[in-house]
Amino acid sequence: LFSMPLMDSGHGVPDPFMRLMMWLSTLLRQLLPGLFRL
């Protein structure tokens, strides 16, 4: 979960598993918007 903001902002390269799970990034942004401001 904490890696998703890094991947979403381009500060990390997602592995194949994370690419499959990145659809959760939108849901996580809605639930915890403050996480993406860190």
PDB file of all heavy atoms in Angstrom:
ATOM      1  N   LEU A   1       0.825  -1.208   0.000  1.00  0.00           N
ATOM      2  CA  LEU A   1       0.000   0.000   0.000  1.00  0.00           C
ATOM      3  C   LEU A   1       0.864   1.264   0.000  1.00  0.00           C
ATOM      4  O   LEU A   1       0.585   2.229  -0.739  1.00  0.00           O
ATOM      5  CB  LEU A   1      -0.924   0.000   1.220  1.00  0.00           C
ATOM      6  CG  LEU A   1      -1.986  -1.102   1.259  1.00  0.00           C
ATOM      7  CD1 LEU A   1      -2.809  -1.008   2.540  1.00  0.00           C
ATOM      8  CD2 LEU A   1      -2.905  -1.028   0.045  1.00  0.00           C
ATOM      9  N   PHE A   2       1.931   1.268   0.808  1.00  0.00           N
ATOM     10  CA  PHE A   2       2.791   2.454   0.872  1.00  0.00           C
ATOM     11  C   PHE A   2       3.673   2.597  -0.364  1.00  0.00           C
ATOM     12  O   PHE A   2       4.212   3.685  -0.618  1.00  0.00           O
ATOM     13  CB  PHE A   2       3.674   2.395   2.123  1.00  0.00           C
ATOM     14  CG  PHE A   2       2.907   2.550   3.402  1.00  0.00           C
ATOM     15  CD1 PHE A   2       3.237   1.814   4.519  1.00  0.00           C
ATOM     16  CD2 PHE A   2       1.843   3.434   3.499  1.00  0.00           C
ATOM     17  CE1 PHE A   2       2.536   1.942   5.714  1.00  0.00           C
ATOM     18  CE2 PHE A   2       1.126   3.582   4.674  1.00  0.00           C
ATOM     19  CZ  PHE A   2       1.465   2.826   5.789  1.00  0.00           C
ATOM     20  N   SER A   3       3.817   1.520  -1.130  1.00  0.00           N
ATOM     21  CA  SER A   3       4.595   1.605  -2.371  1.00  0.00           C
ATOM     22  C   SER A   3       3.784   2.215  -3.500  1.00  0.00           C
ATOM     23  O   SER A   3       4.349   2.759  -4.457  1.00  0.00           O
ATOM     24  CB  SER A   3       5.088   0.219  -2.793  1.00  0.00           C
ATOM     25  OG  SER A   3       5.988  -0.305  -1.853  1.00  0.00           O
ATOM     26  N   MET A   4       2.452   2.139  -3.402  1.00  0.00           N
ATOM     27  CA  MET A   4       1.615   2.629  -4.490  1.00  0.00           C
ATOM     28  C   MET A   4       1.772   4.123  -4.746  1.00  0.00           C
ATOM     29  O   MET A   4       1.824   4.555  -5.907  1.00  0.00           O
ATOM     30  CB  MET A   4       0.157   2.275  -4.218  1.00  0.00           C
ATOM     31  CG  MET A   4      -0.138   0.804  -4.447  1.00  0.00           C
ATOM     32  SD  MET A   4      -1.880   0.390  -4.231  1.00  0.00           S
ATOM     33  CE  MET A   4      -1.825  -1.370  -4.639  1.00  0.00           C
ATOM     34  N   PRO A   5       1.837   4.970  -3.701  1.00  0.00           N
ATOM     35  CA  PRO A   5       2.073   6.396  -3.996  1.00  0.00           C
ATOM     36  C   PRO A   5       3.392   6.641  -4.713  1.00  0.00           C
ATOM     37  O   PRO A   5       3.474   7.533  -5.578  1.00  0.00           O
ATOM     38  CB  PRO A   5       2.071   7.039  -2.599  1.00  0.00           C
ATOM     39  CG  PRO A   5       1.247   6.131  -1.765  1.00  0.00           C
ATOM     40  CD  PRO A   5       1.537   4.758  -2.280  1.00  0.00           C
ATOM     41  N   LEU A   6       4.443   5.854  -4.391  1.00  0.00           N
ATOM     42  CA  LEU A   6       5.715   6.004  -5.093  1.00  0.00           C
ATOM     43  C   LEU A   6       5.577   5.622  -6.560  1.00  0.00           C
ATOM     44  O   LEU A   6       6.080   6.313  -7.452  1.00  0.00           O
ATOM     45  CB  LEU A   6       6.792   5.136  -4.426  1.00  0.00           C
ATOM     46  CG  LEU A   6       7.325   5.609  -3.068  1.00  0.00           C
ATOM     47  CD1 LEU A   6       8.298   4.584  -2.502  1.00  0.00           C
ATOM     48  CD2 LEU A   6       7.999   6.969  -3.198  1.00  0.00           C
ATOM     49  N   MET A   7       4.903   4.501  -6.808  1.00  0.00           N
ATOM     50  CA  MET A   7       4.706   4.064  -8.190  1.00  0.00           C
ATOM     51  C   MET A   7       3.829   5.059  -8.948  1.00  0.00           C
ATOM     52  O   MET A   7       4.083   5.380 -10.122  1.00  0.00           O
ATOM     53  CB  MET A   7       4.051   2.674  -8.217  1.00  0.00           C
ATOM     54  CG  MET A   7       4.755   1.620  -7.389  1.00  0.00           C
ATOM     55  SD  MET A   7       6.441   1.328  -7.902  1.00  0.00           S
ATOM     56  CE  MET A   7       6.987   0.202  -6.608  1.00  0.00           C
ATOM     57  N   ASP A   8       2.822   5.566  -8.258  1.00  0.00           N
ATOM     58  CA  ASP A   8       1.877   6.458  -8.914  1.00  0.00           C
ATOM     59  C   ASP A   8       2.526   7.786  -9.287  1.00  0.00           C
ATOM     60  O   ASP A   8       2.160   8.411 -10.296  1.00  0.00           O
ATOM     61  CB  ASP A   8       0.687   6.702  -7.979  1.00  0.00           C
ATOM     62  CG  ASP A   8      -0.474   7.391  -8.684  1.00  0.00           C
ATOM     63  OD1 ASP A   8      -1.051   6.772  -9.589  1.00  0.00           O
ATOM     64  OD2 ASP A   8      -0.787   8.540  -8.325  1.00  0.00           O
ATOM     65  N   SER A   9       3.528   8.220  -8.481  1.00  0.00           N
ATOM     66  CA  SER A   9       4.184   9.504  -8.744  1.00  0.00           C
ATOM     67  C   SER A   9       5.416   9.361  -9.625  1.00  0.00           C
ATOM     68  O   SER A   9       6.107  10.342  -9.875  1.00  0.00           O
ATOM     69  CB  SER A   9       4.584  10.165  -7.421  1.00  0.00           C
ATOM     70  OG  SER A   9       5.487   9.336  -6.711  1.00  0.00           O
ATOM     71  N   GLY A  10       5.698   8.136 -10.070  1.00  0.00           N
ATOM     72  CA  GLY A  10       6.838   7.914 -10.952  1.00  0.00           C
ATOM     73  C   GLY A  10       8.160   7.789 -10.233  1.00  0.00           C
ATOM     74  O   GLY A  10       9.221   7.821 -10.870  1.00  0.00           O
ATOM     75  N   HIS A  11       8.138   7.609  -8.886  1.00  0.00           N
ATOM     76  CA  HIS A  11       9.380   7.466  -8.122  1.00  0.00           C
ATOM     77  C   HIS A  11       9.747   5.999  -7.916  1.00  0.00           C
ATOM     78  O   HIS A  11      10.594   5.683  -7.090  1.00  0.00           O
ATOM     79  CB  HIS A  11       9.256   8.149  -6.751  1.00  0.00           C
ATOM     80  CG  HIS A  11       9.294   9.633  -6.842  1.00  0.00           C
ATOM     81  ND1 HIS A  11       8.163  10.382  -7.110  1.00  0.00           N
ATOM     82  CD2 HIS A  11      10.319  10.523  -6.730  1.00  0.00           C
ATOM     83  CE1 HIS A  11       8.485  11.666  -7.126  1.00  0.00           C
ATOM     84  NE2 HIS A  11       9.786  11.781  -6.903  1.00  0.00           N
ATOM     85  N   GLY A  12       9.102   5.117  -8.631  1.00  0.00           N
ATOM     86  CA  GLY A  12       9.420   3.704  -8.512  1.00  0.00           C
ATOM     87  C   GLY A  12       8.950   2.955  -9.730  1.00  0.00           C
ATOM     88  O   GLY A  12       8.081   3.429 -10.481  1.00  0.00           O
ATOM     89  N   VAL A  13       9.550   1.806  -9.955  1.00  0.00           N
ATOM     90  CA  VAL A  13       9.172   0.970 -11.094  1.00  0.00           C
ATOM     91  C   VAL A  13       8.402  -0.237 -10.570  1.00  0.00           C
ATOM     92  O   VAL A  13       8.957  -1.042  -9.828  1.00  0.00           O
ATOM     93  CB  VAL A  13      10.416   0.510 -11.883  1.00  0.00           C
ATOM     94  CG1 VAL A  13       9.992  -0.388 -13.035  1.00  0.00           C
ATOM     95  CG2 VAL A  13      11.195   1.703 -12.386  1.00  0.00           C
ATOM     96  N   PRO A  14       7.116  -0.361 -10.902  1.00  0.00           N
ATOM     97  CA  PRO A  14       6.345  -1.480 -10.373  1.00  0.00           C
ATOM     98  C   PRO A  14       6.771  -2.809 -10.986  1.00  0.00           C
ATOM     99  O   PRO A  14       7.058  -2.908 -12.171  1.00  0.00           O
ATOM    100  CB  PRO A  14       4.900  -1.130 -10.773  1.00  0.00           C
ATOM    101  CG  PRO A  14       5.038  -0.257 -11.977  1.00  0.00           C
ATOM    102  CD  PRO A  14       6.304   0.531 -11.765  1.00  0.00           C
ATOM    103  N   ASP A  15       6.837  -3.835 -10.129  1.00  0.00           N
ATOM    104  CA  ASP A  15       7.105  -5.180 -10.624  1.00  0.00           C
ATOM    105  C   ASP A  15       5.808  -5.747 -11.186  1.00  0.00           C
ATOM    106  O   ASP A  15       4.738  -5.123 -11.072  1.00  0.00           O
ATOM    107  CB  ASP A  15       7.650  -6.053  -9.484  1.00  0.00           C
ATOM    108  CG  ASP A  15       6.731  -6.045  -8.278  1.00  0.00           C
ATOM    109  OD1 ASP A  15       5.580  -6.484  -8.419  1.00  0.00           O
ATOM    110  OD2 ASP A  15       7.160  -5.593  -7.190  1.00  0.00           O
ATOM    111  N   PRO A  16       5.834  -6.933 -11.835  1.00  0.00           N
ATOM    112  CA  PRO A  16       4.607  -7.475 -12.443  1.00  0.00           C
ATOM    113  C   PRO A  16       3.453  -7.595 -11.471  1.00  0.00           C
ATOM    114  O   PRO A  16       2.302  -7.320 -11.825  1.00  0.00           O
ATOM    115  CB  PRO A  16       5.070  -8.839 -12.965  1.00  0.00           C
ATOM    116  CG  PRO A  16       6.532  -8.657 -13.259  1.00  0.00           C
ATOM    117  CD  PRO A  16       7.025  -7.726 -12.200  1.00  0.00           C
ATOM    118  N   PHE A  17       3.744  -7.997 -10.229  1.00  0.00           N
ATOM    119  CA  PHE A  17       2.665  -8.131  -9.257  1.00  0.00           C
ATOM    120  C   PHE A  17       2.056  -6.767  -8.946  1.00  0.00           C
ATOM    121  O   PHE A  17       0.829  -6.620  -8.871  1.00  0.00           O
ATOM    122  CB  PHE A  17       3.191  -8.797  -7.982  1.00  0.00           C
ATOM    123  CG  PHE A  17       2.173  -8.882  -6.889  1.00  0.00           C
ATOM    124  CD1 PHE A  17       1.130  -9.791  -6.956  1.00  0.00           C
ATOM    125  CD2 PHE A  17       2.242  -8.039  -5.781  1.00  0.00           C
ATOM    126  CE1 PHE A  17       0.181  -9.873  -5.953  1.00  0.00           C
ATOM    127  CE2 PHE A  17       1.298  -8.111  -4.773  1.00  0.00           C
ATOM    128  CZ  PHE A  17       0.268  -9.031  -4.855  1.00  0.00           C
ATOM    129  N   MET A  18       2.916  -5.758  -8.761  1.00  0.00           N
ATOM    130  CA  MET A  18       2.401  -4.427  -8.447  1.00  0.00           C
ATOM    131  C   MET A  18       1.617  -3.853  -9.619  1.00  0.00           C
ATOM    132  O   MET A  18       0.656  -3.100  -9.427  1.00  0.00           O
ATOM    133  CB  MET A  18       3.557  -3.505  -8.068  1.00  0.00           C
ATOM    134  CG  MET A  18       4.090  -3.738  -6.656  1.00  0.00           C
ATOM    135  SD  MET A  18       2.870  -3.407  -5.372  1.00  0.00           S
ATOM    136  CE  MET A  18       2.684  -1.634  -5.499  1.00  0.00           C
ATOM    137  N   ARG A  19       2.013  -4.178 -10.847  1.00  0.00           N
ATOM    138  CA  ARG A  19       1.242  -3.700 -12.002  1.00  0.00           C
ATOM    139  C   ARG A  19      -0.187  -4.248 -11.950  1.00  0.00           C
ATOM    140  O   ARG A  19      -1.138  -3.552 -12.306  1.00  0.00           O
ATOM    141  CB  ARG A  19       1.929  -4.132 -13.288  1.00  0.00           C
ATOM    142  CG  ARG A  19       3.216  -3.374 -13.600  1.00  0.00           C
ATOM    143  CD  ARG A  19       3.657  -3.615 -15.029  1.00  0.00           C
ATOM    144  NE  ARG A  19       4.912  -2.938 -15.314  1.00  0.00           N
ATOM    145  CZ  ARG A  19       6.103  -3.515 -15.256  1.00  0.00           C
ATOM    146  NH1 ARG A  19       6.188  -4.797 -14.927  1.00  0.00           N
ATOM    147  NH2 ARG A  19       7.200  -2.852 -15.523  1.00  0.00           N
ATOM    148  N   LEU A  20      -0.312  -5.493 -11.525  1.00  0.00           N
ATOM    149  CA  LEU A  20      -1.652  -6.081 -11.423  1.00  0.00           C
ATOM    150  C   LEU A  20      -2.470  -5.427 -10.311  1.00  0.00           C
ATOM    151  O   LEU A  20      -3.697  -5.371 -10.387  1.00  0.00           O
ATOM    152  CB  LEU A  20      -1.535  -7.582 -11.162  1.00  0.00           C
ATOM    153  CG  LEU A  20      -0.960  -8.445 -12.301  1.00  0.00           C
ATOM    154  CD1 LEU A  20      -0.805  -9.890 -11.840  1.00  0.00           C
ATOM    155  CD2 LEU A  20      -1.866  -8.383 -13.520  1.00  0.00           C
ATOM    156  N   MET A  21      -1.769  -4.936  -9.273  1.00  0.00           N
ATOM    157  CA  MET A  21      -2.472  -4.379  -8.128  1.00  0.00           C
ATOM    158  C   MET A  21      -2.641  -2.863  -8.199  1.00  0.00           C
ATOM    159  O   MET A  21      -3.254  -2.269  -7.311  1.00  0.00           O
ATOM    160  CB  MET A  21      -1.718  -4.742  -6.838  1.00  0.00           C
ATOM    161  CG  MET A  21      -1.529  -6.233  -6.617  1.00  0.00           C
ATOM    162  SD  MET A  21      -3.108  -7.127  -6.539  1.00  0.00           S
ATOM    163  CE  MET A  21      -3.830  -6.430  -5.058  1.00  0.00           C
ATOM    164  N   MET A  22      -2.104  -2.220  -9.244  1.00  0.00           N
ATOM    165  CA  MET A  22      -2.163  -0.759  -9.301  1.00  0.00           C
ATOM    166  C   MET A  22      -3.578  -0.221  -9.451  1.00  0.00           C
ATOM    167  O   MET A  22      -3.820   0.971  -9.219  1.00  0.00           O
ATOM    168  CB  MET A  22      -1.281  -0.244 -10.446  1.00  0.00           C
ATOM    169  CG  MET A  22       0.218  -0.261 -10.137  1.00  0.00           C
ATOM    170  SD  MET A  22       0.663   0.657  -8.647  1.00  0.00           S
ATOM    171  CE  MET A  22       0.335   2.342  -9.172  1.00  0.00           C
ATOM    172  N   TRP A  23      -4.536  -1.088  -9.833  1.00  0.00           N
ATOM    173  CA  TRP A  23      -5.917  -0.614  -9.915  1.00  0.00           C
ATOM    174  C   TRP A  23      -6.420  -0.176  -8.535  1.00  0.00           C
ATOM    175  O   TRP A  23      -7.371   0.622  -8.426  1.00  0.00           O
ATOM    176  CB  TRP A  23      -6.830  -1.689 -10.478  1.00  0.00           C
ATOM    177  CG  TRP A  23      -6.893  -2.941  -9.630  1.00  0.00           C
ATOM    178  CD1 TRP A  23      -6.085  -4.014  -9.691  1.00  0.00           C
ATOM    179  CD2 TRP A  23      -7.842  -3.200  -8.583  1.00  0.00           C
ATOM    180  NE1 TRP A  23      -6.436  -4.953  -8.743  1.00  0.00           N
ATOM    181  CE2 TRP A  23      -7.526  -4.478  -8.058  1.00  0.00           C
ATOM    182  CE3 TRP A  23      -8.920  -2.490  -8.040  1.00  0.00           C
ATOM    183  CZ2 TRP A  23      -8.235  -5.045  -7.011  1.00  0.00           C
ATOM    184  CZ3 TRP A  23      -9.636  -3.069  -6.998  1.00  0.00           C
ATOM    185  CH2 TRP A  23      -9.292  -4.330  -6.500  1.00  0.00           C
ATOM    186  N   LEU A  24      -5.751  -0.678  -7.467  1.00  0.00           N
ATOM    187  CA  LEU A  24      -6.136  -0.262  -6.122  1.00  0.00           C
ATOM    188  C   LEU A  24      -5.689   1.156  -5.808  1.00  0.00           C
ATOM    189  O   LEU A  24      -6.132   1.748  -4.827  1.00  0.00           O
ATOM    190  CB  LEU A  24      -5.525  -1.220  -5.087  1.00  0.00           C
ATOM    191  CG  LEU A  24      -6.111  -2.641  -5.009  1.00  0.00           C
ATOM    192  CD1 LEU A  24      -5.291  -3.492  -4.060  1.00  0.00           C
ATOM    193  CD2 LEU A  24      -7.562  -2.573  -4.552  1.00  0.00           C
ATOM    194  N   SER A  25      -4.781   1.692  -6.640  1.00  0.00           N
ATOM    195  CA  SER A  25      -4.251   3.031  -6.362  1.00  0.00           C
ATOM    196  C   SER A  25      -5.363   4.078  -6.355  1.00  0.00           C
ATOM    197  O   SER A  25      -5.395   4.966  -5.489  1.00  0.00           O
ATOM    198  CB  SER A  25      -3.180   3.386  -7.394  1.00  0.00           C
ATOM    199  OG  SER A  25      -2.677   4.671  -7.168  1.00  0.00           O
ATOM    200  N   THR A  26      -6.285   3.968  -7.314  1.00  0.00           N
ATOM    201  CA  THR A  26      -7.390   4.939  -7.372  1.00  0.00           C
ATOM    202  C   THR A  26      -8.266   4.845  -6.139  1.00  0.00           C
ATOM    203  O   THR A  26      -8.645   5.866  -5.539  1.00  0.00           O
ATOM    204  CB  THR A  26      -8.231   4.695  -8.635  1.00  0.00           C
ATOM    205  OG1 THR A  26      -7.387   4.771  -9.782  1.00  0.00           O
ATOM    206  CG2 THR A  26      -9.348   5.718  -8.741  1.00  0.00           C
ATOM    207  N   LEU A  27      -8.591   3.608  -5.722  1.00  0.00           N
ATOM    208  CA  LEU A  27      -9.406   3.410  -4.516  1.00  0.00           C
ATOM    209  C   LEU A  27      -8.671   3.904  -3.281  1.00  0.00           C
ATOM    210  O   LEU A  27      -9.269   4.555  -2.407  1.00  0.00           O
ATOM    211  CB  LEU A  27      -9.750   1.930  -4.382  1.00  0.00           C
ATOM    212  CG  LEU A  27     -10.561   1.519  -3.149  1.00  0.00           C
ATOM    213  CD1 LEU A  27     -11.923   2.212  -3.153  1.00  0.00           C
ATOM    214  CD2 LEU A  27     -10.750   0.003  -3.093  1.00  0.00           C
ATOM    215  N   LEU A  28      -7.363   3.627  -3.217  1.00  0.00           N
ATOM    216  CA  LEU A  28      -6.582   4.050  -2.059  1.00  0.00           C
ATOM    217  C   LEU A  28      -6.485   5.575  -1.993  1.00  0.00           C
ATOM    218  O   LEU A  28      -6.515   6.167  -0.914  1.00  0.00           O
ATOM    219  CB  LEU A  28      -5.175   3.429  -2.132  1.00  0.00           C
ATOM    220  CG  LEU A  28      -4.274   3.602  -0.910  1.00  0.00           C
ATOM    221  CD1 LEU A  28      -4.888   2.898   0.289  1.00  0.00           C
ATOM    222  CD2 LEU A  28      -2.880   3.046  -1.182  1.00  0.00           C
ATOM    223  N   ARG A  29      -6.406   6.226  -3.154  1.00  0.00           N
ATOM    224  CA  ARG A  29      -6.352   7.693  -3.182  1.00  0.00           C
ATOM    225  C   ARG A  29      -7.644   8.297  -2.634  1.00  0.00           C
ATOM    226  O   ARG A  29      -7.616   9.347  -1.976  1.00  0.00           O
ATOM    227  CB  ARG A  29      -6.104   8.183  -4.609  1.00  0.00           C
ATOM    228  CG  ARG A  29      -5.904   9.690  -4.735  1.00  0.00           C
ATOM    229  CD  ARG A  29      -5.783  10.084  -6.209  1.00  0.00           C
ATOM    230  NE  ARG A  29      -4.541   9.589  -6.767  1.00  0.00           N
ATOM    231  CZ  ARG A  29      -3.385  10.244  -6.697  1.00  0.00           C
ATOM    232  NH1 ARG A  29      -3.312  11.395  -6.063  1.00  0.00           N
ATOM    233  NH2 ARG A  29      -2.300   9.735  -7.243  1.00  0.00           N
ATOM    234  N   GLN A  30      -8.761   7.623  -2.913  1.00  0.00           N
ATOM    235  CA  GLN A  30     -10.039   8.124  -2.409  1.00  0.00           C
ATOM    236  C   GLN A  30     -10.177   7.898  -0.904  1.00  0.00           C
ATOM    237  O   GLN A  30     -10.723   8.738  -0.186  1.00  0.00           O
ATOM    238  CB  GLN A  30     -11.188   7.446  -3.146  1.00  0.00           C
ATOM    239  CG  GLN A  30     -11.253   7.779  -4.636  1.00  0.00           C
ATOM    240  CD  GLN A  30     -12.321   6.985  -5.356  1.00  0.00           C
ATOM    241  OE1 GLN A  30     -12.946   6.092  -4.778  1.00  0.00           O
ATOM    242  NE2 GLN A  30     -12.526   7.288  -6.635  1.00  0.00           N
ATOM    243  N   LEU A  31      -9.680   6.738  -0.420  1.00  0.00           N
ATOM    244  CA  LEU A  31      -9.822   6.412   0.995  1.00  0.00           C
ATOM    245  C   LEU A  31      -8.793   7.138   1.854  1.00  0.00           C
ATOM    246  O   LEU A  31      -9.115   7.599   2.957  1.00  0.00           O
ATOM    247  CB  LEU A  31      -9.686   4.897   1.198  1.00  0.00           C
ATOM    248  CG  LEU A  31     -10.773   4.027   0.570  1.00  0.00           C
ATOM    249  CD1 LEU A  31     -10.460   2.547   0.763  1.00  0.00           C
ATOM    250  CD2 LEU A  31     -12.138   4.362   1.176  1.00  0.00           C
ATOM    251  N   LEU A  32      -7.570   7.225   1.370  1.00  0.00           N
ATOM    252  CA  LEU A  32      -6.476   7.853   2.139  1.00  0.00           C
ATOM    253  C   LEU A  32      -5.768   8.883   1.276  1.00  0.00           C
ATOM    254  O   LEU A  32      -4.636   8.676   0.825  1.00  0.00           O
ATOM    255  CB  LEU A  32      -5.485   6.782   2.620  1.00  0.00           C
ATOM    256  CG  LEU A  32      -6.022   5.698   3.557  1.00  0.00           C
ATOM    257  CD1 LEU A  32      -4.982   4.621   3.770  1.00  0.00           C
ATOM    258  CD2 LEU A  32      -6.433   6.315   4.897  1.00  0.00           C
ATOM    259  N   PRO A  33      -6.412   9.999   1.000  1.00  0.00           N
ATOM    260  CA  PRO A  33      -5.777  11.011   0.131  1.00  0.00           C
ATOM    261  C   PRO A  33      -4.496  11.577   0.738  1.00  0.00           C
ATOM    262  O   PRO A  33      -3.580  11.966   0.020  1.00  0.00           O
ATOM    263  CB  PRO A  33      -6.855  12.087  -0.023  1.00  0.00           C
ATOM    264  CG  PRO A  33      -7.742  11.904   1.169  1.00  0.00           C
ATOM    265  CD  PRO A  33      -7.738  10.443   1.465  1.00  0.00           C
ATOM    266  N   GLY A  34      -4.413  11.602   2.082  1.00  0.00           N
ATOM    267  CA  GLY A  34      -3.216  12.148   2.706  1.00  0.00           C
ATOM    268  C   GLY A  34      -1.981  11.308   2.441  1.00  0.00           C
ATOM    269  O   GLY A  34      -0.848  11.826   2.484  1.00  0.00           O
ATOM    270  N   LEU A  35      -2.176  10.016   2.173  1.00  0.00           N
ATOM    271  CA  LEU A  35      -1.035   9.133   1.913  1.00  0.00           C
ATOM    272  C   LEU A  35      -0.292   9.567   0.655  1.00  0.00           C
ATOM    273  O   LEU A  35       0.943   9.461   0.584  1.00  0.00           O
ATOM    274  CB  LEU A  35      -1.525   7.690   1.790  1.00  0.00           C
ATOM    275  CG  LEU A  35      -0.472   6.611   1.563  1.00  0.00           C
ATOM    276  CD1 LEU A  35       0.489   6.535   2.744  1.00  0.00           C
ATOM    277  CD2 LEU A  35      -1.142   5.246   1.353  1.00  0.00           C
ATOM    278  N   PHE A  36      -1.026  10.080  -0.321  1.00  0.00           N
ATOM    279  CA  PHE A  36      -0.417  10.468  -1.592  1.00  0.00           C
ATOM    280  C   PHE A  36       0.224  11.854  -1.526  1.00  0.00           C
ATOM    281  O   PHE A  36       0.855  12.286  -2.492  1.00  0.00           O
ATOM    282  CB  PHE A  36      -1.465  10.424  -2.707  1.00  0.00           C
ATOM    283  CG  PHE A  36      -1.847   9.027  -3.103  1.00  0.00           C
ATOM    284  CD1 PHE A  36      -2.731   8.282  -2.331  1.00  0.00           C
ATOM    285  CD2 PHE A  36      -1.313   8.441  -4.236  1.00  0.00           C
ATOM    286  CE1 PHE A  36      -3.083   6.993  -2.689  1.00  0.00           C
ATOM    287  CE2 PHE A  36      -1.661   7.148  -4.598  1.00  0.00           C
ATOM    288  CZ  PHE A  36      -2.540   6.411  -3.823  1.00  0.00           C
ATOM    289  N   ARG A  37       0.027  12.574  -0.391  1.00  0.00           N
ATOM    290  CA  ARG A  37       0.669  13.872  -0.227  1.00  0.00           C
ATOM    291  C   ARG A  37       1.991  13.766   0.536  1.00  0.00           C
ATOM    292  O   ARG A  37       2.691  14.757   0.707  1.00  0.00           O
ATOM    293  CB  ARG A  37      -0.283  14.832   0.487  1.00  0.00           C
ATOM    294  CG  ARG A  37      -1.490  15.233  -0.370  1.00  0.00           C
ATOM    295  CD  ARG A  37      -2.201  16.421   0.229  1.00  0.00           C
ATOM    296  NE  ARG A  37      -2.883  16.096   1.478  1.00  0.00           N
ATOM    297  CZ  ARG A  37      -4.151  15.696   1.549  1.00  0.00           C
ATOM    298  NH1 ARG A  37      -4.877  15.574   0.435  1.00  0.00           N
ATOM    299  NH2 ARG A  37      -4.709  15.429   2.710  1.00  0.00           N
ATOM    300  N   LEU A  38       2.313  12.539   1.009  1.00  0.00           N
ATOM    301  CA  LEU A  38       3.575  12.342   1.719  1.00  0.00           C
ATOM    302  C   LEU A  38       4.739  12.404   0.744  1.00  0.00           C
ATOM    303  O   LEU A  38       4.623  11.990  -0.416  1.00  0.00           O
ATOM    304  CB  LEU A  38       3.576  10.989   2.439  1.00  0.00           C
ATOM    305  CG  LEU A  38       2.532  10.807   3.548  1.00  0.00           C
ATOM    306  CD1 LEU A  38       2.575   9.372   4.085  1.00  0.00           C
ATOM    307  CD2 LEU A  38       2.769  11.800   4.680  1.00  0.00           C
TER     308      LEU A  38
END
